[in-house]
Amino acid sequence: MKYSKPVVLNSASVNSAVCGGGTPCGRPCQKKA
Protein backbone atom coordinates (compact mmCIF):
# COMPACT_ATOMS: atom_id res chain seq x y z
CA MET A 1 0.00 0.00 0.00
CA LYS A 2 2.85 2.38 0.86
CA TYR A 3 4.73 1.81 -2.38
CA SER A 4 1.53 1.19 -4.36
CA LYS A 5 -0.07 4.55 -3.52
CA PRO A 6 2.90 6.77 -4.46
CA VAL A 7 3.61 4.74 -7.59
CA VAL A 8 0.05 5.03 -8.89
CA LEU A 9 -0.15 8.71 -7.97
CA ASN A 10 3.17 9.50 -9.63
CA SER A 11 2.32 7.51 -12.75
CA ALA A 12 -1.16 9.04 -13.03
CA SER A 13 0.13 12.53 -12.35
CA VAL A 14 2.90 12.30 -14.95
CA ASN A 15 0.64 10.65 -17.52
CA SER A 16 -2.20 13.09 -16.91
CA ALA A 17 0.14 16.06 -17.30
CA VAL A 18 1.67 14.67 -20.50
CA CYS A 19 -1.73 13.79 -21.92
CA GLY A 20 -3.44 16.92 -20.62
CA GLY A 21 -6.06 15.15 -18.47
CA GLY A 22 -7.43 12.72 -21.08
CA THR A 23 -6.08 9.17 -20.87
CA PRO A 24 -4.02 7.86 -17.92
CA CYS A 25 -1.74 6.12 -20.41
CA GLY A 26 1.27 7.15 -22.53
CA ARG A 27 0.44 5.16 -25.68
CA PRO A 28 -2.95 6.71 -26.62
CA CYS A 29 -1.51 10.15 -25.86
CA GLN A 30 1.66 9.67 -27.88
CA LYS A 31 -0.32 8.30 -30.83
CA LYS A 32 -2.61 11.36 -30.83
CA ALA A 33 0.33 13.76 -30.48
PDB file of N, CA and C in Angstrom:
ATOM      1  N   MET A   1       0.849  -1.193   0.000  1.00  0.00           N
ATOM      2  CA  MET A   1       0.000   0.000   0.000  1.00  0.00           C
ATOM      3  C   MET A   1       0.891   1.253   0.000  1.00  0.00           C
ATOM      4  N   LYS A   2       1.957   1.198   0.771  1.00  0.00           N
ATOM      5  CA  LYS A   2       2.848   2.383   0.860  1.00  0.00           C
ATOM      6  C   LYS A   2       3.504   2.647  -0.504  1.00  0.00           C
ATOM      7  N   TYR A   3       4.041   1.614  -1.106  1.00  0.00           N
ATOM      8  CA  TYR A   3       4.735   1.812  -2.384  1.00  0.00           C
ATOM      9  C   TYR A   3       3.712   1.828  -3.536  1.00  0.00           C
ATOM     10  N   SER A   4       2.547   1.252  -3.293  1.00  0.00           N
ATOM     11  CA  SER A   4       1.525   1.187  -4.356  1.00  0.00           C
ATOM     12  C   SER A   4       0.864   2.561  -4.547  1.00  0.00           C
ATOM     13  N   LYS A   5       0.605   3.231  -3.434  1.00  0.00           N
ATOM     14  CA  LYS A   5      -0.068   4.549  -3.516  1.00  0.00           C
ATOM     15  C   LYS A   5       0.805   5.571  -4.262  1.00  0.00           C
ATOM     16  N   PRO A   6       2.018   5.774  -3.835  1.00  0.00           N
ATOM     17  CA  PRO A   6       2.905   6.765  -4.465  1.00  0.00           C
ATOM     18  C   PRO A   6       3.178   6.419  -5.933  1.00  0.00           C
ATOM     19  N   VAL A   7       3.311   5.156  -6.212  1.00  0.00           N
ATOM     20  CA  VAL A   7       3.610   4.739  -7.594  1.00  0.00           C
ATOM     21  C   VAL A   7       2.433   5.090  -8.510  1.00  0.00           C
ATOM     22  N   VAL A   8       1.242   4.765  -8.059  1.00  0.00           N
ATOM     23  CA  VAL A   8       0.048   5.033  -8.886  1.00  0.00           C
ATOM     24  C   VAL A   8      -0.150   6.538  -9.036  1.00  0.00           C
ATOM     25  N   LEU A   9       0.053   7.249  -7.943  1.00  0.00           N
ATOM     26  CA  LEU A   9      -0.147   8.706  -7.974  1.00  0.00           C
ATOM     27  C   LEU A   9       0.871   9.341  -8.927  1.00  0.00           C
ATOM     28  N   ASN A  10       2.106   8.935  -8.785  1.00  0.00           N
ATOM     29  CA  ASN A  10       3.175   9.499  -9.634  1.00  0.00           C
ATOM     30  C   ASN A  10       2.884   9.174 -11.099  1.00  0.00           C
ATOM     31  N   SER A  11       2.566   7.940 -11.361  1.00  0.00           N
ATOM     32  CA  SER A  11       2.315   7.510 -12.748  1.00  0.00           C
ATOM     33  C   SER A  11       1.121   8.286 -13.321  1.00  0.00           C
ATOM     34  N   ALA A  12       0.060   8.352 -12.558  1.00  0.00           N
ATOM     35  CA  ALA A  12      -1.160   9.038 -13.032  1.00  0.00           C
ATOM     36  C   ALA A  12      -0.880  10.526 -13.207  1.00  0.00           C
ATOM     37  N   SER A  13      -0.160  11.080 -12.287  1.00  0.00           N
ATOM     38  CA  SER A  13       0.135  12.533 -12.346  1.00  0.00           C
ATOM     39  C   SER A  13       0.969  12.831 -13.589  1.00  0.00           C
ATOM     40  N   VAL A  14       2.002  12.064 -13.797  1.00  0.00           N
ATOM     41  CA  VAL A  14       2.899  12.300 -14.948  1.00  0.00           C
ATOM     42  C   VAL A  14       2.138  12.048 -16.252  1.00  0.00           C
ATOM     43  N   ASN A  15       1.382  10.978 -16.291  1.00  0.00           N
ATOM     44  CA  ASN A  15       0.636  10.648 -17.516  1.00  0.00           C
ATOM     45  C   ASN A  15      -0.426  11.706 -17.796  1.00  0.00           C
ATOM     46  N   SER A  16      -1.127  12.101 -16.756  1.00  0.00           N
ATOM     47  CA  SER A  16      -2.204  13.094 -16.911  1.00  0.00           C
ATOM     48  C   SER A  16      -1.621  14.397 -17.455  1.00  0.00           C
ATOM     49  N   ALA A  17      -0.488  14.792 -16.901  1.00  0.00           N
ATOM     50  CA  ALA A  17       0.139  16.063 -17.305  1.00  0.00           C
ATOM     51  C   ALA A  17       0.587  15.960 -18.768  1.00  0.00           C
ATOM     52  N   VAL A  18       1.171  14.844 -19.124  1.00  0.00           N
ATOM     53  CA  VAL A  18       1.673  14.674 -20.499  1.00  0.00           C
ATOM     54  C   VAL A  18       0.495  14.615 -21.473  1.00  0.00           C
ATOM     55  N   CYS A  19      -0.553  13.947 -21.051  1.00  0.00           N
ATOM     56  CA  CYS A  19      -1.729  13.791 -21.920  1.00  0.00           C
ATOM     57  C   CYS A  19      -2.576  15.067 -21.878  1.00  0.00           C
ATOM     58  N   GLY A  20      -2.625  15.710 -20.724  1.00  0.00           N
ATOM     59  CA  GLY A  20      -3.442  16.921 -20.615  1.00  0.00           C
ATOM     60  C   GLY A  20      -4.763  16.599 -19.932  1.00  0.00           C
ATOM     61  N   GLY A  21      -4.817  15.492 -19.191  1.00  0.00           N
ATOM     62  CA  GLY A  21      -6.063  15.155 -18.475  1.00  0.00           C
ATOM     63  C   GLY A  21      -7.021  14.425 -19.401  1.00  0.00           C
ATOM     64  N   GLY A  22      -6.530  13.464 -20.166  1.00  0.00           N
ATOM     65  CA  GLY A  22      -7.431  12.723 -21.076  1.00  0.00           C
ATOM     66  C   GLY A  22      -7.356  11.235 -20.795  1.00  0.00           C
ATOM     67  N   THR A  23      -6.220  10.614 -21.108  1.00  0.00           N
ATOM     68  CA  THR A  23      -6.081   9.172 -20.870  1.00  0.00           C
ATOM     69  C   THR A  23      -4.901   8.927 -19.943  1.00  0.00           C
ATOM     70  N   PRO A  24      -5.094   8.161 -18.885  1.00  0.00           N
ATOM     71  CA  PRO A  24      -4.019   7.860 -17.921  1.00  0.00           C
ATOM     72  C   PRO A  24      -2.989   6.910 -18.505  1.00  0.00           C
ATOM     73  N   CYS A  25      -2.739   7.017 -19.786  1.00  0.00           N
ATOM     74  CA  CYS A  25      -1.739   6.125 -20.414  1.00  0.00           C
ATOM     75  C   CYS A  25      -0.766   6.953 -21.254  1.00  0.00           C
ATOM     76  N   GLY A  26       0.303   6.377 -21.718  1.00  0.00           N
ATOM     77  CA  GLY A  26       1.265   7.150 -22.532  1.00  0.00           C
ATOM     78  C   GLY A  26       1.115   6.782 -24.002  1.00  0.00           C
ATOM     79  N   ARG A  27       0.553   5.642 -24.281  1.00  0.00           N
ATOM     80  CA  ARG A  27       0.438   5.164 -25.682  1.00  0.00           C
ATOM     81  C   ARG A  27      -0.643   5.956 -26.432  1.00  0.00           C
ATOM     82  N   PRO A  28      -1.863   5.996 -25.917  1.00  0.00           N
ATOM     83  CA  PRO A  28      -2.948   6.715 -26.625  1.00  0.00           C
ATOM     84  C   PRO A  28      -2.616   8.193 -26.774  1.00  0.00           C
ATOM     85  N   CYS A  29      -1.879   8.722 -25.814  1.00  0.00           N
ATOM     86  CA  CYS A  29      -1.514  10.148 -25.859  1.00  0.00           C
ATOM     87  C   CYS A  29      -0.440  10.360 -26.927  1.00  0.00           C
ATOM     88  N   GLN A  30       0.554   9.524 -26.921  1.00  0.00           N
ATOM     89  CA  GLN A  30       1.664   9.668 -27.882  1.00  0.00           C
ATOM     90  C   GLN A  30       1.124   9.490 -29.300  1.00  0.00           C
ATOM     91  N   LYS A  31       0.225   8.562 -29.477  1.00  0.00           N
ATOM     92  CA  LYS A  31      -0.319   8.303 -30.825  1.00  0.00           C
ATOM     93  C   LYS A  31      -1.058   9.552 -31.326  1.00  0.00           C
ATOM     94  N   LYS A  32      -1.834  10.154 -30.447  1.00  0.00           N
ATOM     95  CA  LYS A  32      -2.607  11.358 -30.834  1.00  0.00           C
ATOM     96  C   LYS A  32      -1.644  12.494 -31.158  1.00  0.00           C
ATOM     97  N   ALA A  33      -0.638  12.663 -30.289  1.00  0.00           N
ATOM     98  CA  ALA A  33       0.327  13.758 -30.480  1.00  0.00           C
ATOM     99  C   ALA A  33       1.112  13.459 -31.752  1.00  0.00           C
TER     100      ALA A  33
END
